[in-house]
Amino acid sequence: MKRYKWTIILSILTPILLLLVFFLMGGGHGYYSPAIVLFPFGMAGTIFQQSITFPFFILSILHFPFYGFILDRFTSHITKYCVFLIHLLLVAVVLVTTNFQ
């Protein structure tokens, strides 16, 4: 159990964050920015389409547990910085390229 500490924590946190994001999105009439900041891999599909498709929804469910697995598997500080940097870069790309009114 101790070996997969971050995987377990982020797996538990994912549904809570998804519910929060769904609430803030308001059925398509709310704010998409929190969804983009928290789930940039899932929202990357909105660059090409104006909707969130099922494969990207699944990707957003799996990306936090995947972050946890990467952090558990590779324990160096460089790994933490790389995960954070990749996440931050994708957030910037999705925020700049999507056009939600």
Protein backbone atom coordinates (compact mmCIF):
# COMPACT_ATOMS: atom_id res chain seq x y z
CA MET A 1 0.00 0.00 0.00
CA LYS A 2 2.75 2.42 0.88
CA ARG A 3 4.38 1.83 -2.49
CA TYR A 4 1.42 3.32 -4.38
CA LYS A 5 0.65 6.18 -2.01
CA TRP A 6 0.12 8.92 -4.63
CA THR A 7 -1.78 6.61 -6.97
CA ILE A 8 -4.31 5.86 -4.23
CA ILE A 9 -4.59 9.48 -3.08
CA LEU A 10 -5.10 10.85 -6.58
CA SER A 11 -7.51 8.02 -7.47
CA ILE A 12 -9.69 9.01 -4.52
CA LEU A 13 -9.38 12.71 -5.33
CA THR A 14 -10.33 12.34 -9.01
CA PRO A 15 -14.11 11.75 -8.61
CA ILE A 16 -14.34 14.59 -6.09
CA LEU A 17 -12.64 16.99 -8.51
CA LEU A 18 -14.79 15.74 -11.39
CA LEU A 19 -17.97 16.50 -9.43
CA LEU A 20 -16.66 19.95 -8.57
CA VAL A 21 -15.81 20.65 -12.20
CA PHE A 22 -19.21 19.39 -13.43
CA PHE A 23 -20.91 21.68 -10.93
CA LEU A 24 -18.86 24.67 -12.09
CA MET A 25 -19.47 23.87 -15.77
CA GLY A 26 -23.19 24.15 -15.09
CA GLY A 27 -24.41 21.86 -17.86
CA GLY A 28 -22.53 23.81 -20.49
CA HIS A 29 -23.55 27.26 -19.27
CA GLY A 30 -20.91 27.80 -16.60
CA TYR A 31 -17.15 28.19 -16.35
CA TYR A 32 -14.84 25.86 -18.26
CA SER A 33 -11.60 27.31 -16.89
CA PRO A 34 -11.49 25.10 -13.75
CA ALA A 35 -12.00 22.03 -15.94
CA ILE A 36 -9.16 23.09 -18.20
CA VAL A 37 -6.84 23.79 -15.26
CA LEU A 38 -7.60 20.52 -13.45
CA PHE A 39 -8.10 18.19 -16.42
CA PRO A 40 -6.14 19.55 -19.39
CA PHE A 41 -5.73 16.14 -21.04
CA GLY A 42 -9.48 15.61 -21.01
CA MET A 43 -10.20 19.13 -22.22
CA ALA A 44 -7.62 18.91 -25.02
CA GLY A 45 -10.36 17.51 -27.25
CA THR A 46 -12.13 20.86 -27.11
CA ILE A 47 -9.33 22.33 -29.21
CA PHE A 48 -10.69 20.46 -32.22
CA GLN A 49 -14.38 20.28 -31.26
CA GLN A 50 -16.66 22.43 -29.15
CA SER A 51 -17.69 19.52 -26.95
CA ILE A 52 -16.13 16.99 -24.61
CA THR A 53 -16.25 13.57 -26.24
CA PHE A 54 -16.31 10.22 -24.44
CA PRO A 55 -12.65 9.26 -25.08
CA PHE A 56 -11.46 12.55 -23.63
CA PHE A 57 -13.78 12.10 -20.65
CA ILE A 58 -12.15 8.72 -19.97
CA LEU A 59 -8.75 10.35 -20.37
CA SER A 60 -9.63 12.95 -17.76
CA ILE A 61 -10.70 10.20 -15.34
CA LEU A 62 -7.43 8.35 -15.79
CA HIS A 63 -4.88 11.15 -15.87
CA PHE A 64 -4.68 11.91 -12.11
CA PRO A 65 -4.19 8.22 -11.18
CA PHE A 66 -1.58 8.08 -13.95
CA TYR A 67 0.18 11.09 -12.41
CA GLY A 68 0.14 9.24 -9.08
CA PHE A 69 1.57 6.11 -10.67
CA ILE A 70 4.38 8.11 -12.29
CA LEU A 71 5.16 9.86 -9.00
CA ASP A 72 5.18 6.54 -7.12
CA ARG A 73 7.24 4.71 -9.71
CA PHE A 74 9.87 7.39 -10.26
CA THR A 75 10.57 9.08 -6.94
CA SER A 76 13.10 11.73 -7.96
CA HIS A 77 12.36 15.42 -7.68
CA ILE A 78 12.93 15.80 -11.40
CA THR A 79 9.90 13.57 -12.02
CA LYS A 80 7.69 15.85 -9.93
CA TYR A 81 8.87 18.89 -11.83
CA CYS A 82 8.40 17.19 -15.20
CA VAL A 83 4.83 16.11 -14.37
CA PHE A 84 4.03 19.62 -13.16
CA LEU A 85 5.63 21.26 -16.20
CA ILE A 86 3.82 18.99 -18.68
CA HIS A 87 0.52 19.66 -16.91
CA LEU A 88 1.15 23.42 -16.85
CA LEU A 89 2.15 23.56 -20.52
CA LEU A 90 -0.94 21.64 -21.60
CA VAL A 91 -3.13 23.92 -19.47
CA ALA A 92 -1.63 26.94 -21.24
CA VAL A 93 -2.10 25.40 -24.68
CA VAL A 94 -5.72 24.43 -24.04
CA LEU A 95 -6.60 27.79 -22.45
CA VAL A 96 -5.12 29.70 -25.38
CA THR A 97 -6.54 27.57 -28.19
CA THR A 98 -10.10 26.90 -27.01
CA ASN A 99 -12.82 29.42 -27.69
CA PHE A 100 -15.54 29.04 -25.05
CA GLN A 101 -17.75 32.07 -24.67
